Amino acid sequence: MPFVQPKPANLLQCPNCGNDTDFFEVNEEIVTTTRYVQNSDGSFTPVDHTSETRGEARLFCGNCEEDLTFFHPRFSEMIF
């Protein structure tokens, strides 16, 4: 009998289409800061980049685009 890997109980799944692999996040009011150094030829090279979200972050199904924002806290906890 072949072994079937069980799915974790906390796996996010779209209630509309059943997707449990593809998601996208939309963030509003993002402040992006990029620091540059100027090179001797006058060009610039980025040396540091930071982003800060000040608005709402929303989560969507990557398959059917269902709004899954109610899952966002769990989603945020599981980003490694």
PDB file of N, CA and C in Angstrom:
ATOM      1  N   MET A   1       0.843  -1.173   0.000  1.00  0.00           N
ATOM      2  CA  MET A   1       0.000   0.000   0.000  1.00  0.00           C
ATOM      3  C   MET A   1       0.890   1.239   0.000  1.00  0.00           C
ATOM      4  N   PRO A   2       0.724   2.143  -0.984  1.00  0.00           N
ATOM      5  CA  PRO A   2       1.557   3.341  -1.040  1.00  0.00           C
ATOM      6  C   PRO A   2       1.226   4.313   0.082  1.00  0.00           C
ATOM      7  N   PHE A   3       2.273   4.984   0.568  1.00  0.00           N
ATOM      8  CA  PHE A   3       2.096   5.976   1.624  1.00  0.00           C
ATOM      9  C   PHE A   3       1.655   7.295   1.005  1.00  0.00           C
ATOM     10  N   VAL A   4       0.577   7.858   1.515  1.00  0.00           N
ATOM     11  CA  VAL A   4       0.080   9.154   1.061  1.00  0.00           C
ATOM     12  C   VAL A   4       0.361  10.172   2.162  1.00  0.00           C
ATOM     13  N   GLN A   5       1.142  11.193   1.801  1.00  0.00           N
ATOM     14  CA  GLN A   5       1.488  12.233   2.769  1.00  0.00           C
ATOM     15  C   GLN A   5       0.236  13.009   3.155  1.00  0.00           C
ATOM     16  N   PRO A   6      -0.130  13.047   4.432  1.00  0.00           N
ATOM     17  CA  PRO A   6      -1.323  13.812   4.845  1.00  0.00           C
ATOM     18  C   PRO A   6      -1.060  15.312   4.733  1.00  0.00           C
ATOM     19  N   LYS A   7      -2.112  16.070   4.439  1.00  0.00           N
ATOM     20  CA  LYS A   7      -2.001  17.521   4.389  1.00  0.00           C
ATOM     21  C   LYS A   7      -2.097  18.079   5.806  1.00  0.00           C
ATOM     22  N   PRO A   8      -1.307  19.117   6.103  1.00  0.00           N
ATOM     23  CA  PRO A   8      -1.392  19.727   7.426  1.00  0.00           C
ATOM     24  C   PRO A   8      -2.793  20.294   7.680  1.00  0.00           C
ATOM     25  N   ALA A   9      -3.220  20.233   8.919  1.00  0.00           N
ATOM     26  CA  ALA A   9      -4.556  20.712   9.291  1.00  0.00           C
ATOM     27  C   ALA A   9      -4.686  22.221   9.117  1.00  0.00           C
ATOM     28  N   ASN A  10      -3.569  22.935   9.170  1.00  0.00           N
ATOM     29  CA  ASN A  10      -3.617  24.397   9.087  1.00  0.00           C
ATOM     30  C   ASN A  10      -3.330  24.918   7.684  1.00  0.00           C
ATOM     31  N   LEU A  11      -3.384  24.073   6.669  1.00  0.00           N
ATOM     32  CA  LEU A  11      -3.143  24.473   5.289  1.00  0.00           C
ATOM     33  C   LEU A  11      -4.240  25.418   4.819  1.00  0.00           C
ATOM     34  N   LEU A  12      -3.847  26.588   4.271  1.00  0.00           N
ATOM     35  CA  LEU A  12      -4.831  27.518   3.737  1.00  0.00           C
ATOM     36  C   LEU A  12      -5.403  26.964   2.442  1.00  0.00           C
ATOM     37  N   GLN A  13      -6.712  27.085   2.300  1.00  0.00           N
ATOM     38  CA  GLN A  13      -7.376  26.598   1.098  1.00  0.00           C
ATOM     39  C   GLN A  13      -8.496  27.564   0.735  1.00  0.00           C
ATOM     40  N   CYS A  14      -8.575  27.909  -0.532  1.00  0.00           N
ATOM     41  CA  CYS A  14      -9.624  28.815  -0.992  1.00  0.00           C
ATOM     42  C   CYS A  14     -10.975  28.112  -0.877  1.00  0.00           C
ATOM     43  N   PRO A  15     -11.925  28.705  -0.157  1.00  0.00           N
ATOM     44  CA  PRO A  15     -13.236  28.079  -0.024  1.00  0.00           C
ATOM     45  C   PRO A  15     -14.040  28.111  -1.328  1.00  0.00           C
ATOM     46  N   ASN A  16     -13.629  28.951  -2.276  1.00  0.00           N
ATOM     47  CA  ASN A  16     -14.355  29.079  -3.535  1.00  0.00           C
ATOM     48  C   ASN A  16     -13.938  28.003  -4.549  1.00  0.00           C
ATOM     49  N   CYS A  17     -12.613  27.797  -4.716  1.00  0.00           N
ATOM     50  CA  CYS A  17     -12.150  26.878  -5.764  1.00  0.00           C
ATOM     51  C   CYS A  17     -11.315  25.711  -5.253  1.00  0.00           C
ATOM     52  N   GLY A  18     -10.940  25.728  -3.981  1.00  0.00           N
ATOM     53  CA  GLY A  18     -10.152  24.641  -3.418  1.00  0.00           C
ATOM     54  C   GLY A  18      -8.647  24.800  -3.576  1.00  0.00           C
ATOM     55  N   ASN A  19      -8.183  25.862  -4.217  1.00  0.00           N
ATOM     56  CA  ASN A  19      -6.756  26.100  -4.397  1.00  0.00           C
ATOM     57  C   ASN A  19      -6.058  26.148  -3.039  1.00  0.00           C
ATOM     58  N   ASP A  20      -4.919  25.441  -2.938  1.00  0.00           N
ATOM     59  CA  ASP A  20      -4.143  25.502  -1.702  1.00  0.00           C
ATOM     60  C   ASP A  20      -2.652  25.721  -1.984  1.00  0.00           C
ATOM     61  N   THR A  21      -2.337  26.259  -3.179  1.00  0.00           N
ATOM     62  CA  THR A  21      -0.930  26.476  -3.515  1.00  0.00           C
ATOM     63  C   THR A  21      -0.588  27.893  -3.955  1.00  0.00           C
ATOM     64  N   ASP A  22      -1.465  28.577  -4.653  1.00  0.00           N
ATOM     65  CA  ASP A  22      -1.116  29.871  -5.241  1.00  0.00           C
ATOM     66  C   ASP A  22      -1.960  31.003  -4.673  1.00  0.00           C
ATOM     67  N   PHE A  23      -1.253  32.005  -4.120  1.00  0.00           N
ATOM     68  CA  PHE A  23      -1.903  33.148  -3.488  1.00  0.00           C
ATOM     69  C   PHE A  23      -1.135  34.412  -3.861  1.00  0.00           C
ATOM     70  N   PHE A  24      -1.787  35.559  -3.772  1.00  0.00           N
ATOM     71  CA  PHE A  24      -1.060  36.816  -3.930  1.00  0.00           C
ATOM     72  C   PHE A  24      -1.571  37.820  -2.915  1.00  0.00           C
ATOM     73  N   GLU A  25      -0.671  38.723  -2.541  1.00  0.00           N
ATOM     74  CA  GLU A  25      -0.945  39.722  -1.522  1.00  0.00           C
ATOM     75  C   GLU A  25      -0.921  41.096  -2.188  1.00  0.00           C
ATOM     76  N   VAL A  26      -1.862  41.952  -1.811  1.00  0.00           N
ATOM     77  CA  VAL A  26      -1.908  43.328  -2.290  1.00  0.00           C
ATOM     78  C   VAL A  26      -1.753  44.228  -1.072  1.00  0.00           C
ATOM     79  N   ASN A  27      -0.743  45.086  -1.125  1.00  0.00           N
ATOM     80  CA  ASN A  27      -0.488  46.024  -0.032  1.00  0.00           C
ATOM     81  C   ASN A  27      -0.769  47.438  -0.514  1.00  0.00           C
ATOM     82  N   GLU A  28      -1.406  48.215   0.327  1.00  0.00           N
ATOM     83  CA  GLU A  28      -1.721  49.599   0.012  1.00  0.00           C
ATOM     84  C   GLU A  28      -0.820  50.521   0.826  1.00  0.00           C
ATOM     85  N   GLU A  29      -0.581  51.687   0.320  1.00  0.00           N
ATOM     86  CA  GLU A  29       0.206  52.714   1.001  1.00  0.00           C
ATOM     87  C   GLU A  29       1.582  52.201   1.413  1.00  0.00           C
ATOM     88  N   ILE A  30       2.395  51.880   0.440  1.00  0.00           N
ATOM     89  CA  ILE A  30       3.746  51.379   0.687  1.00  0.00           C
ATOM     90  C   ILE A  30       4.744  52.513   0.531  1.00  0.00           C
ATOM     91  N   VAL A  31       5.634  52.624   1.505  1.00  0.00           N
ATOM     92  CA  VAL A  31       6.737  53.570   1.423  1.00  0.00           C
ATOM     93  C   VAL A  31       7.984  52.753   1.122  1.00  0.00           C
ATOM     94  N   THR A  32       8.619  53.046  -0.010  1.00  0.00           N
ATOM     95  CA  THR A  32       9.822  52.343  -0.420  1.00  0.00           C
ATOM     96  C   THR A  32      11.000  53.307  -0.343  1.00  0.00           C
ATOM     97  N   THR A  33      12.070  52.860   0.312  1.00  0.00           N
ATOM     98  CA  THR A  33      13.275  53.669   0.427  1.00  0.00           C
ATOM     99  C   THR A  33      14.438  52.881  -0.157  1.00  0.00           C
ATOM    100  N   THR A  34      15.119  53.467  -1.122  1.00  0.00           N
ATOM    101  CA  THR A  34      16.300  52.840  -1.712  1.00  0.00           C
ATOM    102  C   THR A  34      17.467  53.805  -1.565  1.00  0.00           C
ATOM    103  N   ARG A  35      18.557  53.308  -1.016  1.00  0.00           N
ATOM    104  CA  ARG A  35      19.766  54.120  -0.862  1.00  0.00           C
ATOM    105  C   ARG A  35      20.737  53.755  -1.985  1.00  0.00           C
ATOM    106  N   TYR A  36      21.385  54.780  -2.529  1.00  0.00           N
ATOM    107  CA  TYR A  36      22.309  54.605  -3.641  1.00  0.00           C
ATOM    108  C   TYR A  36      23.660  55.220  -3.327  1.00  0.00           C
ATOM    109  N   VAL A  37      24.695  54.714  -3.977  1.00  0.00           N
ATOM    110  CA  VAL A  37      25.992  55.384  -3.996  1.00  0.00           C
ATOM    111  C   VAL A  37      26.261  55.766  -5.442  1.00  0.00           C
ATOM    112  N   GLN A  38      26.888  56.920  -5.597  1.00  0.00           N
ATOM    113  CA  GLN A  38      27.235  57.349  -6.943  1.00  0.00           C
ATOM    114  C   GLN A  38      28.637  56.844  -7.269  1.00  0.00           C
ATOM    115  N   ASN A  39      28.758  56.242  -8.417  1.00  0.00           N
ATOM    116  CA  ASN A  39      30.039  55.707  -8.870  1.00  0.00           C
ATOM    117  C   ASN A  39      30.871  56.803  -9.527  1.00  0.00           C
ATOM    118  N   SER A  40      32.142  56.526  -9.699  1.00  0.00           N
ATOM    119  CA  SER A  40      33.056  57.526 -10.269  1.00  0.00           C
ATOM    120  C   SER A  40      32.681  57.922 -11.693  1.00  0.00           C
ATOM    121  N   ASP A  41      31.935  57.069 -12.406  1.00  0.00           N
ATOM    122  CA  ASP A  41      31.522  57.409 -13.775  1.00  0.00           C
ATOM    123  C   ASP A  41      30.193  58.164 -13.813  1.00  0.00           C
ATOM    124  N   GLY A  42      29.619  58.475 -12.636  1.00  0.00           N
ATOM    125  CA  GLY A  42      28.363  59.214 -12.560  1.00  0.00           C
ATOM    126  C   GLY A  42      27.129  58.333 -12.463  1.00  0.00           C
ATOM    127  N   SER A  43      27.296  57.033 -12.625  1.00  0.00           N
ATOM    128  CA  SER A  43      26.162  56.108 -12.489  1.00  0.00           C
ATOM    129  C   SER A  43      25.883  55.861 -11.013  1.00  0.00           C
ATOM    130  N   PHE A  44      24.743  55.210 -10.730  1.00  0.00           N
ATOM    131  CA  PHE A  44      24.356  54.932  -9.348  1.00  0.00           C
ATOM    132  C   PHE A  44      24.166  53.437  -9.147  1.00  0.00           C
ATOM    133  N   THR A  45      24.501  52.974  -7.959  1.00  0.00           N
ATOM    134  CA  THR A  45      24.325  51.572  -7.588  1.00  0.00           C
ATOM    135  C   THR A  45      23.495  51.523  -6.316  1.00  0.00           C
ATOM    136  N   PRO A  46      22.372  50.745  -6.316  1.00  0.00           N
ATOM    137  CA  PRO A  46      21.589  50.616  -5.080  1.00  0.00           C
ATOM    138  C   PRO A  46      22.363  49.795  -4.051  1.00  0.00           C
ATOM    139  N   VAL A  47      22.350  50.246  -2.790  1.00  0.00           N
ATOM    140  CA  VAL A  47      23.061  49.534  -1.728  1.00  0.00           C
ATOM    141  C   VAL A  47      22.143  49.055  -0.617  1.00  0.00           C
ATOM    142  N   ASP A  48      20.935  49.599  -0.555  1.00  0.00           N
ATOM    143  CA  ASP A  48      20.001  49.190   0.497  1.00  0.00           C
ATOM    144  C   ASP A  48      18.590  49.497   0.026  1.00  0.00           C
ATOM    145  N   HIS A  49      17.667  48.611   0.350  1.00  0.00           N
ATOM    146  CA  HIS A  49      16.277  48.793  -0.071  1.00  0.00           C
ATOM    147  C   HIS A  49      15.366  48.332   1.067  1.00  0.00           C
ATOM    148  N   THR A  50      14.449  49.188   1.482  1.00  0.00           N
ATOM    149  CA  THR A  50      13.479  48.818   2.503  1.00  0.00           C
ATOM    150  C   THR A  50      12.084  49.226   2.049  1.00  0.00           C
ATOM    151  N   SER A  51      11.085  48.497   2.524  1.00  0.00           N
ATOM    152  CA  SER A  51       9.687  48.812   2.238  1.00  0.00           C
ATOM    153  C   SER A  51       8.907  48.773   3.538  1.00  0.00           C
ATOM    154  N   GLU A  52       7.969  49.677   3.668  1.00  0.00           N
ATOM    155  CA  GLU A  52       7.104  49.723   4.847  1.00  0.00           C
ATOM    156  C   GLU A  52       5.662  49.862   4.378  1.00  0.00           C
ATOM    157  N   THR A  53       4.820  48.932   4.803  1.00  0.00           N
ATOM    158  CA  THR A  53       3.409  48.986   4.464  1.00  0.00           C
ATOM    159  C   THR A  53       2.676  49.756   5.551  1.00  0.00           C
ATOM    160  N   ARG A  54       1.994  50.809   5.171  1.00  0.00           N
ATOM    161  CA  ARG A  54       1.250  51.615   6.135  1.00  0.00           C
ATOM    162  C   ARG A  54      -0.249  51.420   6.005  1.00  0.00           C
ATOM    163  N   GLY A  55      -0.680  50.817   4.930  1.00  0.00           N
ATOM    164  CA  GLY A  55      -2.104  50.608   4.701  1.00  0.00           C
ATOM    165  C   GLY A  55      -2.477  49.149   4.892  1.00  0.00           C
ATOM    166  N   GLU A  56      -3.644  48.813   4.409  1.00  0.00           N
ATOM    167  CA  GLU A  56      -4.179  47.468   4.545  1.00  0.00           C
ATOM    168  C   GLU A  56      -3.442  46.492   3.627  1.00  0.00           C
ATOM    169  N   ALA A  57      -3.218  45.278   4.130  1.00  0.00           N
ATOM    170  CA  ALA A  57      -2.674  44.194   3.325  1.00  0.00           C
ATOM    171  C   ALA A  57      -3.801  43.197   3.097  1.00  0.00           C
ATOM    172  N   ARG A  58      -4.000  42.815   1.841  1.00  0.00           N
ATOM    173  CA  ARG A  58      -5.085  41.893   1.496  1.00  0.00           C
ATOM    174  C   ARG A  58      -4.510  40.664   0.806  1.00  0.00           C
ATOM    175  N   LEU A  59      -5.175  39.543   0.993  1.00  0.00           N
ATOM    176  CA  LEU A  59      -4.736  38.271   0.429  1.00  0.00           C
ATOM    177  C   LEU A  59      -5.788  37.762  -0.541  1.00  0.00           C
ATOM    178  N   PHE A  60      -5.334  37.236  -1.681  1.00  0.00           N
ATOM    179  CA  PHE A  60      -6.239  36.726  -2.705  1.00  0.00           C
ATOM    180  C   PHE A  60      -5.800  35.354  -3.179  1.00  0.00           C
ATOM    181  N   CYS A  61      -6.757  34.582  -3.632  1.00  0.00           N
ATOM    182  CA  CYS A  61      -6.480  33.290  -4.251  1.00  0.00           C
ATOM    183  C   CYS A  61      -5.796  33.553  -5.594  1.00  0.00           C
ATOM    184  N   GLY A  62      -4.711  32.859  -5.846  1.00  0.00           N
ATOM    185  CA  GLY A  62      -4.001  33.010  -7.105  1.00  0.00           C
ATOM    186  C   GLY A  62      -4.671  32.305  -8.258  1.00  0.00           C
ATOM    187  N   ASN A  63      -5.699  31.527  -7.981  1.00  0.00           N
ATOM    188  CA  ASN A  63      -6.413  30.787  -9.022  1.00  0.00           C
ATOM    189  C   ASN A  63      -7.681  31.517  -9.461  1.00  0.00           C
ATOM    190  N   CYS A  64      -8.568  31.816  -8.508  1.00  0.00           N
ATOM    191  CA  CYS A  64      -9.860  32.426  -8.865  1.00  0.00           C
ATOM    192  C   CYS A  64      -9.985  33.881  -8.403  1.00  0.00           C
ATOM    193  N   GLU A  65      -8.951  34.410  -7.741  1.00  0.00           N
ATOM    194  CA  GLU A  65      -8.889  35.785  -7.249  1.00  0.00           C
ATOM    195  C   GLU A  65      -9.919  36.105  -6.168  1.00  0.00           C
ATOM    196  N   GLU A  66     -10.400  35.082  -5.474  1.00  0.00           N
ATOM    197  CA  GLU A  66     -11.305  35.267  -4.332  1.00  0.00           C
ATOM    198  C   GLU A  66     -10.567  36.045  -3.245  1.00  0.00           C
ATOM    199  N   ASP A  67     -11.239  36.989  -2.608  1.00  0.00           N
ATOM    200  CA  ASP A  67     -10.657  37.758  -1.511  1.00  0.00           C
ATOM    201  C   ASP A  67     -10.559  36.855  -0.284  1.00  0.00           C
ATOM    202  N   LEU A  68      -9.340  36.591   0.153  1.00  0.00           N
ATOM    203  CA  LEU A  68      -9.081  35.721   1.308  1.00  0.00           C
ATOM    204  C   LEU A  68      -8.440  36.498   2.452  1.00  0.00           C
ATOM    205  N   THR A  69      -8.729  37.783   2.534  1.00  0.00           N
ATOM    206  CA  THR A  69      -8.097  38.634   3.533  1.00  0.00           C
ATOM    207  C   THR A  69      -8.304  38.117   4.955  1.00  0.00           C
ATOM    208  N   PHE A  70      -9.406  37.429   5.205  1.00  0.00           N
ATOM    209  CA  PHE A  70      -9.631  36.887   6.552  1.00  0.00           C
ATOM    210  C   PHE A  70      -8.566  35.852   6.917  1.00  0.00           C
ATOM    211  N   PHE A  71      -7.839  35.291   5.920  1.00  0.00           N
ATOM    212  CA  PHE A  71      -6.732  34.357   6.172  1.00  0.00           C
ATOM    213  C   PHE A  71      -5.390  35.078   6.340  1.00  0.00           C
ATOM    214  N   HIS A  72      -5.358  36.389   6.122  1.00  0.00           N
ATOM    215  CA  HIS A  72      -4.086  37.102   6.092  1.00  0.00           C
ATOM    216  C   HIS A  72      -3.264  36.956   7.379  1.00  0.00           C
ATOM    217  N   PRO A  73      -3.859  37.022   8.578  1.00  0.00           N
ATOM    218  CA  PRO A  73      -3.038  36.838   9.779  1.00  0.00           C
ATOM    219  C   PRO A  73      -2.302  35.486   9.786  1.00  0.00           C
ATOM    220  N   ARG A  74      -2.964  34.431   9.398  1.00  0.00           N
ATOM    221  CA  ARG A  74      -2.333  33.108   9.338  1.00  0.00           C
ATOM    222  C   ARG A  74      -1.257  33.087   8.252  1.00  0.00           C
ATOM    223  N   PHE A  75      -1.563  33.665   7.112  1.00  0.00           N
ATOM    224  CA  PHE A  75      -0.603  33.768   6.018  1.00  0.00           C
ATOM    225  C   PHE A  75       0.669  34.464   6.485  1.00  0.00           C
ATOM    226  N   SER A  76       0.514  35.590   7.174  1.00  0.00           N
ATOM    227  CA  SER A  76       1.664  36.360   7.663  1.00  0.00           C
ATOM    228  C   SER A  76       2.515  35.562   8.636  1.00  0.00           C
ATOM    229  N   GLU A  77       1.888  34.764   9.466  1.00  0.00           N
ATOM    230  CA  GLU A  77       2.625  33.944  10.435  1.00  0.00           C
ATOM    231  C   GLU A  77       3.469  32.870   9.761  1.00  0.00           C
ATOM    232  N   MET A  78       3.075  32.456   8.581  1.00  0.00           N
ATOM    233  CA  MET A  78       3.737  31.327   7.929  1.00  0.00           C
ATOM    234  C   MET A  78       4.728  31.728   6.842  1.00  0.00           C
ATOM    235  N   ILE A  79       5.088  33.000   6.728  1.00  0.00           N
ATOM    236  CA  ILE A  79       6.114  33.423   5.776  1.00  0.00           C
ATOM    237  C   ILE A  79       7.471  33.272   6.446  1.00  0.00           C
ATOM    238  N   PHE A  80       8.316  32.453   5.862  1.00  0.00           N
ATOM    239  CA  PHE A  80       9.649  32.197   6.431  1.00  0.00           C
ATOM    240  C   PHE A  80      10.728  32.669   5.506  1.00  0.00           C
TER     241      PHE A  80
END
